Amino acid sequence: IIEQIINPPQNDVSDDACSLAWSQFLMQKFPSVTHFGGGEPYIEMMAKKQKKQFILIQRIVPFKATVITAFTNLNFAASKQIRNQLIPKILITGIESSGKSTIAVKVAAKLKSELVVEYGRIHTDIMSGVLDQTDLFMNEQDLIDIAVRHNKMVYKAVERAVNQDFDCVVVDTDHVVTGEFFQRFFNKRNQIIDEMSMYQRYDVVFFLKKIQFVQDGSRRQIDEDQRAIWQQKLLDRYKELKIQVVEVNIQDIQGRLQFIMNQVNDLIKQREKTLSE
């Protein structure tokens, strides 16, 4: 058992948001550790049973042991054996009206895989019944809630995919996009969302370039120059976070779909080869 004292951040945020931030921080700080837990009896039992390195959190920190254990097992376990058991995650991202949601649905259907829809869309569609302009009443906590809820949806999708023996999980939008919306709305960055952006893990990230704006009922019309600026800011943010993206410049849906499917199929084949070795 590796014993360390961690000083928790004094942030007035939800338990789930703290759980997420701390699990990401700990896995980065202690890469040799395969599991985390918050209760000493549990840690001792699991350490003896599985003969693995564990870290014991001696100080009260703002996370739930069940949440952080599930999180690390699903997404940030350090050992190669556990990582190889994780199902590949495919991210489809881009700015508003880039066609990413349409493509994500089609890719998931082609692969017969789990699909994680953009929770931010669900959240704003519900709220748009109150006001026509969603971003006029979106507050800071809304964006944090969107990021945390979307994160949970990804983990649940991974669980289902593993249980049903799917080849991968397709995800529509990520925390980087949510972080840029936070910056746009409130002219500042949010620590929780940015930390989630830094530690998210996808096997491949497809960045769909902007296409003609489509009004879907909860957006306001913006000019093409502004969309181009937002697109570049988002690309710059991925670069800043050292997240490699595959830019998709193809405009027609079928061409985009074929391009993405070719790369995803190659990824799945490579993973199967790695596992067989």
Protein backbone atom coordinates (compact mmCIF):
# COMPACT_ATOMS: atom_id res chain seq x y z
CA ILE A 1 0.00 0.00 0.00
CA ILE A 2 1.38 3.38 -1.01
CA GLU A 3 0.40 6.05 1.48
CA GLN A 4 0.18 9.65 0.39
CA ILE A 5 -1.53 12.70 1.85
CA ILE A 6 -3.41 14.72 -0.72
CA ASN A 7 -4.52 18.24 0.06
CA PRO A 8 -7.97 18.69 -1.49
CA PRO A 9 -8.88 21.83 -3.45
CA GLN A 10 -11.23 24.20 -1.71
CA ASN A 11 -13.72 24.54 -4.52
CA ASP A 12 -17.42 25.01 -3.97
CA VAL A 13 -18.51 22.50 -6.59
CA SER A 14 -20.54 19.31 -6.64
CA ASP A 15 -19.26 15.99 -5.28
CA ASP A 16 -19.31 14.47 -8.75
CA ALA A 17 -17.27 17.29 -10.24
CA CYS A 18 -14.69 16.96 -7.47
CA SER A 19 -14.66 13.18 -7.87
CA LEU A 20 -13.88 13.55 -11.52
CA ALA A 21 -11.18 16.17 -11.06
CA TRP A 22 -9.46 14.24 -8.29
CA SER A 23 -9.49 10.91 -10.08
CA GLN A 24 -7.84 12.52 -13.09
CA PHE A 25 -5.27 14.31 -10.95
CA LEU A 26 -4.34 11.19 -8.98
CA MET A 27 -3.89 8.99 -12.02
CA GLN A 28 -1.52 11.55 -13.52
CA LYS A 29 0.45 12.00 -10.30
CA PHE A 30 0.78 8.27 -9.54
CA PRO A 31 0.95 6.42 -12.90
CA SER A 32 2.09 3.12 -11.36
CA VAL A 33 -1.06 2.80 -9.29
CA THR A 34 -3.80 0.71 -10.83
CA HIS A 35 -6.69 1.37 -8.43
CA PHE A 36 -7.77 4.01 -5.98
CA GLY A 37 -10.05 3.81 -2.98
CA GLY A 38 -11.22 5.92 -0.10
CA GLY A 39 -11.63 3.38 2.70
CA GLU A 40 -8.74 1.64 4.49
CA PRO A 41 -10.44 -1.79 5.00
CA TYR A 42 -11.43 -1.89 1.35
CA ILE A 43 -7.92 -0.98 0.22
CA GLU A 44 -6.27 -3.62 2.40
CA MET A 45 -8.66 -6.31 1.24
CA MET A 46 -8.23 -5.51 -2.45
CA ALA A 47 -4.46 -5.15 -2.18
CA LYS A 48 -4.11 -8.62 -0.67
CA LYS A 49 -6.60 -10.19 -3.05
CA GLN A 50 -5.32 -8.73 -6.32
CA LYS A 51 -1.66 -8.16 -5.36
CA LYS A 52 -1.67 -4.74 -7.00
CA GLN A 53 -0.41 -1.36 -5.95
CA PHE A 54 -3.03 0.83 -4.38
CA ILE A 55 -2.97 4.33 -3.03
CA LEU A 56 -4.63 4.99 0.29
CA ILE A 57 -6.17 8.41 0.66
CA GLN A 58 -5.54 9.20 4.33
CA ARG A 59 -7.08 12.64 4.31
CA ILE A 60 -10.76 13.40 3.75
CA VAL A 61 -11.05 14.56 0.17
CA PRO A 62 -14.16 15.60 -1.78
CA PHE A 63 -14.85 12.44 -3.71
CA LYS A 64 -16.89 9.29 -3.30
CA ALA A 65 -14.93 6.04 -3.24
CA THR A 66 -17.46 4.27 -5.45
CA VAL A 67 -17.32 7.01 -8.06
CA ILE A 68 -13.55 7.25 -8.19
CA THR A 69 -13.07 3.46 -8.27
CA ALA A 70 -15.50 3.06 -11.16
CA PHE A 71 -13.90 5.99 -12.95
CA THR A 72 -10.35 4.67 -12.76
CA ASN A 73 -11.35 1.13 -13.64
CA LEU A 74 -13.16 2.32 -16.75
CA ASN A 75 -10.91 4.97 -18.14
CA PHE A 76 -7.63 5.63 -16.39
CA ALA A 77 -6.30 2.33 -15.06
CA ALA A 78 -2.56 2.34 -15.49
CA SER A 79 -1.71 -1.28 -16.23
CA LYS A 80 -1.52 -2.44 -19.84
CA GLN A 81 -3.76 -5.40 -19.06
CA ILE A 82 -6.60 -3.18 -17.89
CA ARG A 83 -6.12 -0.60 -20.64
CA ASN A 84 -6.39 -3.27 -23.30
CA GLN A 85 -9.74 -4.31 -21.89
CA LEU A 86 -11.11 -0.84 -22.50
CA ILE A 87 -13.16 -0.41 -25.60
CA PRO A 88 -11.96 2.17 -28.18
CA LYS A 89 -13.72 5.53 -28.01
CA ILE A 90 -14.28 7.54 -31.18
CA LEU A 91 -14.92 11.28 -30.76
CA ILE A 92 -16.76 13.36 -33.36
CA THR A 93 -16.29 17.05 -32.61
CA GLY A 94 -16.50 20.52 -34.14
CA ILE A 95 -18.33 23.82 -33.76
CA GLU A 96 -22.07 24.39 -34.02
CA SER A 97 -23.63 23.31 -37.29
CA SER A 98 -20.61 21.31 -38.37
CA GLY A 99 -22.79 18.26 -38.91
CA LYS A 100 -21.09 16.30 -36.14
CA SER A 101 -24.27 14.99 -34.54
CA THR A 102 -25.55 13.68 -37.87
CA ILE A 103 -22.24 11.98 -38.61
CA ALA A 104 -21.95 10.53 -35.10
CA VAL A 105 -25.36 8.87 -35.45
CA LYS A 106 -24.44 7.43 -38.85
CA VAL A 107 -21.02 6.16 -37.72
CA ALA A 108 -22.55 4.46 -34.67
CA ALA A 109 -25.23 2.88 -36.85
CA LYS A 110 -22.63 1.59 -39.31
CA LEU A 111 -20.57 0.09 -36.50
CA LYS A 112 -23.62 -1.11 -34.54
CA SER A 113 -21.94 0.49 -31.54
CA GLU A 114 -22.89 2.51 -28.49
CA LEU A 115 -23.55 6.20 -29.17
CA VAL A 116 -23.14 8.98 -26.63
CA VAL A 117 -25.22 11.92 -27.80
CA GLU A 118 -24.29 15.51 -27.00
CA TYR A 119 -25.78 16.13 -23.57
CA GLY A 120 -25.38 19.87 -24.00
CA ARG A 121 -27.94 19.68 -26.80
CA ILE A 122 -30.40 17.86 -24.55
CA HIS A 123 -29.85 20.38 -21.77
CA THR A 124 -30.33 23.43 -23.98
CA ASP A 125 -33.29 21.96 -25.84
CA ILE A 126 -35.08 21.50 -22.54
CA MET A 127 -34.24 25.03 -21.44
CA SER A 128 -35.14 26.58 -24.80
CA GLY A 129 -38.77 26.00 -23.93
CA VAL A 130 -38.37 28.82 -21.42
CA LEU A 131 -36.57 31.40 -23.58
CA ASP A 132 -35.83 31.58 -27.30
CA GLN A 133 -32.14 32.36 -26.79
CA THR A 134 -30.66 29.58 -24.66
CA ASP A 135 -27.32 31.30 -24.09
CA LEU A 136 -29.05 34.30 -22.51
CA PHE A 137 -29.88 32.33 -19.38
CA MET A 138 -27.16 29.69 -19.35
CA ASN A 139 -25.20 30.12 -16.12
CA GLU A 140 -21.79 28.78 -15.08
CA GLN A 141 -23.18 25.80 -13.20
CA ASP A 142 -25.15 24.76 -16.30
CA LEU A 143 -21.91 24.27 -18.23
CA ILE A 144 -20.28 22.33 -15.39
CA ASP A 145 -23.37 20.13 -15.09
CA ILE A 146 -23.32 19.50 -18.84
CA ALA A 147 -19.68 18.40 -18.72
CA VAL A 148 -20.15 16.10 -15.72
CA ARG A 149 -23.36 14.57 -17.07
CA HIS A 150 -21.79 14.00 -20.49
CA ASN A 151 -18.83 12.33 -18.79
CA LYS A 152 -21.10 9.92 -16.94
CA MET A 153 -22.87 9.07 -20.18
CA VAL A 154 -19.53 8.13 -21.75
CA TYR A 155 -18.61 5.79 -18.89
CA LYS A 156 -22.01 4.11 -18.91
CA ALA A 157 -21.73 3.63 -22.66
CA VAL A 158 -18.32 1.99 -22.21
CA GLU A 159 -19.79 -0.38 -19.63
CA ARG A 160 -22.64 -1.35 -21.94
CA ALA A 161 -20.31 -1.74 -24.90
CA VAL A 162 -17.99 -4.08 -22.97
CA ASN A 163 -20.92 -6.15 -21.71
CA GLN A 164 -22.43 -6.41 -25.19
CA ASP A 165 -19.08 -7.02 -26.92
CA PHE A 166 -19.30 -3.95 -29.17
CA ASP A 167 -16.22 -2.89 -31.09
CA CYS A 168 -16.23 0.73 -29.94
CA VAL A 169 -18.12 3.70 -28.52
CA VAL A 170 -18.92 6.76 -30.63
CA VAL A 171 -19.10 10.07 -28.74
CA ASP A 172 -20.66 13.30 -30.01
CA THR A 173 -18.78 16.35 -28.61
CA ASP A 174 -16.40 16.60 -25.65
CA HIS A 175 -15.28 18.79 -22.76
CA VAL A 176 -13.05 20.94 -24.94
CA VAL A 177 -16.15 22.20 -26.76
CA THR A 178 -17.94 22.79 -23.45
CA GLY A 179 -14.91 24.70 -22.18
CA GLU A 180 -14.93 26.96 -25.22
CA PHE A 181 -18.62 27.70 -24.71
CA PHE A 182 -17.80 28.63 -21.11
CA GLN A 183 -15.10 30.99 -22.35
CA ARG A 184 -17.45 32.49 -24.92
CA PHE A 185 -20.35 33.01 -22.50
CA PHE A 186 -18.47 34.19 -19.41
CA ASN A 187 -15.15 35.46 -20.80
CA LYS A 188 -13.11 33.25 -18.47
CA ARG A 189 -12.08 29.63 -18.13
CA ASN A 190 -13.46 27.05 -15.70
CA GLN A 191 -10.98 24.89 -13.80
CA ILE A 192 -13.19 21.80 -13.53
CA ILE A 193 -14.13 21.72 -17.21
CA ASP A 194 -10.56 22.45 -18.30
CA GLU A 195 -9.18 19.63 -16.14
CA MET A 196 -11.74 17.27 -17.63
CA SER A 197 -10.58 18.40 -21.07
CA MET A 198 -6.93 17.75 -20.23
CA TYR A 199 -7.43 14.18 -19.07
CA GLN A 200 -10.10 12.87 -21.42
CA ARG A 201 -8.96 9.91 -23.51
CA TYR A 202 -10.12 9.07 -27.02
CA ASP A 203 -8.50 6.71 -29.49
CA VAL A 204 -9.20 9.05 -32.39
CA VAL A 205 -10.70 12.54 -32.58
CA PHE A 206 -12.41 13.62 -35.80
CA PHE A 207 -12.80 17.38 -36.11
CA LEU A 208 -15.52 18.20 -38.64
CA LYS A 209 -14.98 21.53 -40.35
CA LYS A 210 -17.90 23.93 -40.56
CA ILE A 211 -20.59 23.58 -43.19
CA GLN A 212 -23.56 25.79 -44.05
CA PHE A 213 -25.40 26.90 -40.90
CA VAL A 214 -28.57 24.94 -40.15
CA GLN A 215 -31.25 26.30 -37.81
CA ASP A 216 -32.48 23.47 -35.60
CA GLY A 217 -34.75 25.45 -33.29
CA SER A 218 -32.42 26.37 -30.43
CA ARG A 219 -29.68 28.38 -32.13
CA ARG A 220 -29.41 31.95 -33.28
CA GLN A 221 -28.05 32.85 -36.68
CA ILE A 222 -24.41 33.91 -36.73
CA ASP A 223 -22.30 35.15 -39.60
CA GLU A 224 -19.74 32.98 -41.34
CA ASP A 225 -16.80 35.13 -40.25
CA GLN A 226 -17.71 34.60 -36.59
CA ARG A 227 -18.08 30.86 -37.11
CA ALA A 228 -14.65 30.74 -38.73
CA ILE A 229 -13.17 32.51 -35.69
CA TRP A 230 -14.83 30.09 -33.27
CA GLN A 231 -13.66 27.13 -35.31
CA GLN A 232 -10.05 28.30 -35.22
CA LYS A 233 -10.22 28.96 -31.48
CA LEU A 234 -11.48 25.43 -30.92
CA LEU A 235 -8.72 23.96 -33.08
CA ASP A 236 -6.17 26.04 -31.21
CA ARG A 237 -7.49 24.74 -27.90
CA TYR A 238 -7.06 21.11 -28.99
CA LYS A 239 -3.52 21.93 -30.05
CA GLU A 240 -2.83 23.66 -26.73
CA LEU A 241 -4.01 20.53 -24.88
CA LYS A 242 -1.85 18.36 -27.18
CA ILE A 243 -4.91 16.48 -28.39
CA GLN A 244 -4.30 15.28 -31.92
CA VAL A 245 -7.30 15.70 -34.19
CA VAL A 246 -8.08 14.40 -37.66
CA GLU A 247 -9.55 17.34 -39.57
CA VAL A 248 -12.38 16.39 -41.90
CA ASN A 249 -12.70 18.98 -44.66
CA ILE A 250 -15.13 16.99 -46.80
CA GLN A 251 -18.49 18.75 -47.11
CA ASP A 252 -20.92 16.05 -48.23
CA ILE A 253 -22.28 13.59 -45.67
CA GLN A 254 -21.48 10.42 -47.58
CA GLY A 255 -17.89 11.49 -48.22
CA ARG A 256 -17.40 12.36 -44.56
CA LEU A 257 -18.91 9.08 -43.45
CA GLN A 258 -16.71 7.02 -45.76
CA PHE A 259 -13.56 8.88 -44.69
CA ILE A 260 -14.27 8.33 -41.00
CA MET A 261 -15.34 4.71 -41.41
CA ASN A 262 -12.12 3.82 -43.22
CA GLN A 263 -10.03 5.14 -40.34
CA VAL A 264 -12.21 3.64 -37.62
CA ASN A 265 -12.13 0.20 -39.25
CA ASP A 266 -8.33 0.41 -39.39
CA LEU A 267 -8.27 1.34 -35.70
CA ILE A 268 -10.46 -1.62 -34.74
CA LYS A 269 -8.31 -4.03 -36.77
CA GLN A 270 -5.14 -2.69 -35.15
CA ARG A 271 -6.61 -3.09 -31.67
CA GLU A 272 -7.66 -6.68 -32.40
CA LYS A 273 -4.14 -7.40 -33.62
CA THR A 274 -2.62 -5.86 -30.48
CA LEU A 275 -4.89 -7.88 -28.20
CA SER A 276 -4.11 -11.11 -30.05
CA GLU A 277 -0.40 -10.52 -29.51
